[in-house]
Amino acid sequence: MSWRSERIWVELIAGSRKTSNFCWAFILFLGSLGFLLVGISSYLGRNLLSLFPSQQILFFPQGIVMSFYGIAGLFISSYLWCTIWWNVGSGYDRFDKKAGIVCIFRWGFPGKNRRIFLRFLMKDIQSIRIEVKEGISTRRILYMEIIGQGAIPLTRIDENLTSREIERKAAELAYFLRVPIELL
């Protein structure tokens, strides 16, 4: 999602609040809860879950392993729910021709550096770079090359843009900023 005028371009960046993250966090939570309940059932010797008879599962070693997988899954699930709650990775890119400034803002994990805010002068932008890695998992990433700072990614790694979409986005941004496009 973006908003554009002659002098200002604001590109909103979606963070962790994606449908796929909600689905994976929910599936992982239910699966790990099931593993933990089966492990506890095997320890107690009675069924807490009617789907899996615990008499068939010995506590040592299967019940311990199931409990370990359940606890580990709950930790990973809670991590996913926390990243969704904090919306890690969301933010915006703002290109302001009038002030001659580029602002890049992202939300990170809670703590001292939760707010990631980068500011550059437009005259320091060297180019817009497209990096394409073909193979089993094709990646197309758009970078902004800053003099003395290196490359700053403008698209997420998991954002699956087609070649046409990334080229169009790069061309529009390069035209707006009046900088060349590099292809890697």
Protein backbone atom coordinates (compact mmCIF):
# COMPACT_ATOMS: atom_id res chain seq x y z
CA MET A 1 0.00 0.00 0.00
CA SER A 2 1.37 3.42 -0.88
CA TRP A 3 0.43 7.04 -1.18
CA ARG A 4 2.03 9.37 -3.69
CA SER A 5 1.98 13.00 -4.75
CA GLU A 6 4.41 15.09 -6.81
CA ARG A 7 6.70 15.74 -3.85
CA ILE A 8 6.06 12.97 -1.31
CA TRP A 9 5.89 9.20 -1.62
CA VAL A 10 4.90 7.11 1.40
CA GLU A 11 5.10 3.32 1.18
CA LEU A 12 3.48 1.40 4.07
CA ILE A 13 5.22 -1.84 5.00
CA ALA A 14 3.24 -4.78 6.39
CA GLY A 15 4.81 -6.51 9.35
CA SER A 16 4.18 -9.80 11.09
CA ARG A 17 0.41 -9.51 11.09
CA LYS A 18 -0.09 -11.69 8.06
CA THR A 19 -2.66 -14.44 7.61
CA SER A 20 0.04 -17.07 7.20
CA ASN A 21 1.64 -16.13 10.53
CA PHE A 22 -1.72 -16.34 12.30
CA CYS A 23 -2.34 -19.78 10.76
CA TRP A 24 1.11 -21.14 11.65
CA ALA A 25 0.97 -19.78 15.21
CA PHE A 26 -2.48 -21.33 15.75
CA ILE A 27 -1.55 -24.71 14.20
CA LEU A 28 1.71 -24.83 16.15
CA PHE A 29 -0.07 -23.97 19.40
CA LEU A 30 -2.69 -26.70 18.95
CA GLY A 31 -0.15 -29.31 17.87
CA SER A 32 2.27 -28.62 20.70
CA LEU A 33 -0.59 -28.57 23.22
CA GLY A 34 -1.61 -31.99 21.92
CA PHE A 35 1.93 -33.34 22.29
CA LEU A 36 2.18 -31.98 25.84
CA LEU A 37 -1.20 -33.44 26.85
CA VAL A 38 -0.24 -36.86 25.47
CA GLY A 39 3.05 -36.72 27.40
CA ILE A 40 1.27 -35.75 30.62
CA SER A 41 -1.37 -38.45 30.00
CA SER A 42 1.34 -41.09 29.66
CA TYR A 43 2.91 -39.91 32.94
CA LEU A 44 -0.39 -39.97 34.82
CA GLY A 45 -1.48 -43.24 33.22
CA ARG A 46 -4.95 -41.98 32.26
CA ASN A 47 -6.43 -40.33 29.18
CA LEU A 48 -6.54 -36.54 29.12
CA LEU A 49 -7.17 -36.68 25.38
CA SER A 50 -9.67 -39.22 24.16
CA LEU A 51 -8.11 -39.29 20.66
CA PHE A 52 -4.88 -40.93 21.84
CA PRO A 53 -5.05 -43.71 24.43
CA SER A 54 -2.20 -43.06 26.86
CA GLN A 55 -1.95 -46.72 27.96
CA GLN A 56 -0.21 -47.47 24.68
CA ILE A 57 2.44 -44.79 25.21
CA LEU A 58 5.08 -45.44 27.86
CA PHE A 59 6.30 -42.40 29.76
CA PHE A 60 9.91 -43.39 29.36
CA PRO A 61 11.08 -42.64 26.60
CA GLN A 62 8.05 -41.74 24.40
CA GLY A 63 6.16 -39.65 26.97
CA ILE A 64 9.24 -37.61 27.86
CA VAL A 65 9.96 -36.93 24.19
CA MET A 66 6.32 -35.96 23.52
CA SER A 67 6.38 -33.62 26.54
CA PHE A 68 9.64 -32.07 25.34
CA TYR A 69 8.21 -31.49 21.85
CA GLY A 70 5.06 -30.01 23.37
CA ILE A 71 6.99 -27.58 25.57
CA ALA A 72 9.33 -26.60 22.72
CA GLY A 73 6.34 -26.06 20.41
CA LEU A 74 4.61 -23.87 23.00
CA PHE A 75 7.75 -21.70 23.23
CA ILE A 76 7.94 -21.32 19.45
CA SER A 77 4.21 -20.63 19.26
CA SER A 78 4.46 -17.96 21.96
CA TYR A 79 7.34 -16.38 20.04
CA LEU A 80 5.16 -16.23 16.89
CA TRP A 81 2.22 -14.77 18.84
CA CYS A 82 4.51 -12.11 20.35
CA THR A 83 5.86 -11.07 16.93
CA ILE A 84 2.27 -10.82 15.69
CA TRP A 85 1.21 -8.81 18.75
CA TRP A 86 4.18 -6.39 18.43
CA ASN A 87 3.80 -6.32 14.60
CA VAL A 88 7.55 -6.67 14.12
CA GLY A 89 8.77 -5.43 10.75
CA SER A 90 5.91 -3.03 10.04
CA GLY A 91 6.56 0.61 9.27
CA TYR A 92 6.90 2.94 6.34
CA ASP A 93 9.30 4.41 3.78
CA ARG A 94 8.84 8.14 3.16
CA PHE A 95 10.52 9.94 0.28
CA ASP A 96 10.12 13.72 0.54
CA LYS A 97 11.39 15.74 -2.44
CA LYS A 98 10.45 19.05 -0.85
CA ALA A 99 12.66 18.51 2.21
CA GLY A 100 15.14 16.33 0.31
CA ILE A 101 14.94 13.60 2.96
CA VAL A 102 14.26 9.87 2.93
CA CYS A 103 12.89 8.35 6.16
CA ILE A 104 12.73 4.62 6.78
CA PHE A 105 10.85 3.48 9.89
CA ARG A 106 10.32 -0.07 11.19
CA TRP A 107 9.02 -1.55 14.43
CA GLY A 108 11.38 -4.08 16.02
CA PHE A 109 11.23 -6.19 19.15
CA PRO A 110 10.55 -4.44 22.46
CA GLY A 111 13.52 -2.90 24.17
CA LYS A 112 15.87 0.00 23.78
CA ASN A 113 15.93 -0.23 19.98
CA ARG A 114 12.23 -1.01 19.32
CA ARG A 115 11.90 1.91 16.91
CA ILE A 116 14.22 1.69 13.95
CA PHE A 117 14.38 5.07 12.24
CA LEU A 118 16.83 5.86 9.44
CA ARG A 119 17.13 9.25 7.74
CA PHE A 120 19.09 10.09 4.62
CA LEU A 121 19.48 13.03 2.31
CA MET A 122 18.12 12.36 -1.18
CA LYS A 123 21.34 13.61 -2.71
CA ASP A 124 23.18 10.71 -0.97
CA ILE A 125 21.13 8.07 -2.82
CA GLN A 126 23.40 6.49 -5.39
CA SER A 127 20.96 4.11 -7.08
CA ILE A 128 18.05 1.72 -6.78
CA ARG A 129 19.25 -1.87 -7.01
CA ILE A 130 17.32 -5.02 -7.91
CA GLU A 131 18.81 -8.27 -6.66
CA VAL A 132 17.46 -11.45 -8.26
CA LYS A 133 18.41 -14.92 -7.04
CA GLU A 134 16.96 -17.68 -9.19
CA GLY A 135 16.65 -21.27 -8.10
CA ILE A 136 14.32 -23.38 -6.02
CA SER A 137 13.25 -20.40 -3.93
CA THR A 138 13.44 -17.36 -6.18
CA ARG A 139 14.14 -14.07 -4.40
CA ARG A 140 13.70 -10.60 -5.81
CA ILE A 141 14.68 -7.79 -3.46
CA LEU A 142 14.71 -4.04 -4.03
CA TYR A 143 17.56 -2.09 -2.41
CA MET A 144 18.39 1.60 -2.09
CA GLU A 145 22.14 2.20 -2.41
CA ILE A 146 23.34 5.04 -0.15
CA ILE A 147 26.78 6.65 -0.59
CA GLY A 148 28.97 5.60 2.36
CA GLN A 149 26.17 3.57 4.00
CA GLY A 150 25.71 0.56 1.73
CA ALA A 151 22.46 -0.99 0.55
CA ILE A 152 19.19 -0.75 2.47
CA PRO A 153 16.45 -3.27 1.59
CA LEU A 154 13.10 -1.72 0.66
CA THR A 155 11.13 -4.95 0.18
CA ARG A 156 10.79 -7.88 2.54
CA ILE A 157 12.60 -11.11 1.75
CA ASP A 158 9.35 -13.08 1.93
CA GLU A 159 7.52 -10.65 -0.37
CA ASN A 160 7.07 -12.71 -3.53
CA LEU A 161 7.00 -10.10 -6.26
CA THR A 162 7.06 -11.13 -9.90
CA SER A 163 9.80 -9.84 -12.19
CA ARG A 164 7.39 -7.38 -13.77
CA GLU A 165 6.19 -6.04 -10.38
CA ILE A 166 9.70 -5.52 -8.97
CA GLU A 167 10.87 -3.88 -12.19
CA ARG A 168 7.85 -1.56 -12.23
CA LYS A 169 8.34 -0.65 -8.57
CA ALA A 170 12.07 -0.02 -9.10
CA ALA A 171 11.44 2.07 -12.22
CA GLU A 172 8.80 4.22 -10.50
CA LEU A 173 11.00 4.80 -7.46
CA ALA A 174 14.11 5.52 -9.54
CA TYR A 175 12.12 7.98 -11.66
CA PHE A 176 10.71 9.66 -8.54
CA LEU A 177 14.17 9.95 -6.94
CA ARG A 178 15.96 10.70 -10.25
CA VAL A 179 18.59 7.97 -9.73
CA PRO A 180 19.73 5.05 -11.93
CA ILE A 181 18.69 1.41 -11.56
CA GLU A 182 21.26 -1.34 -11.04
CA LEU A 183 20.54 -5.02 -11.60
CA LEU A 184 22.42 -7.76 -9.75
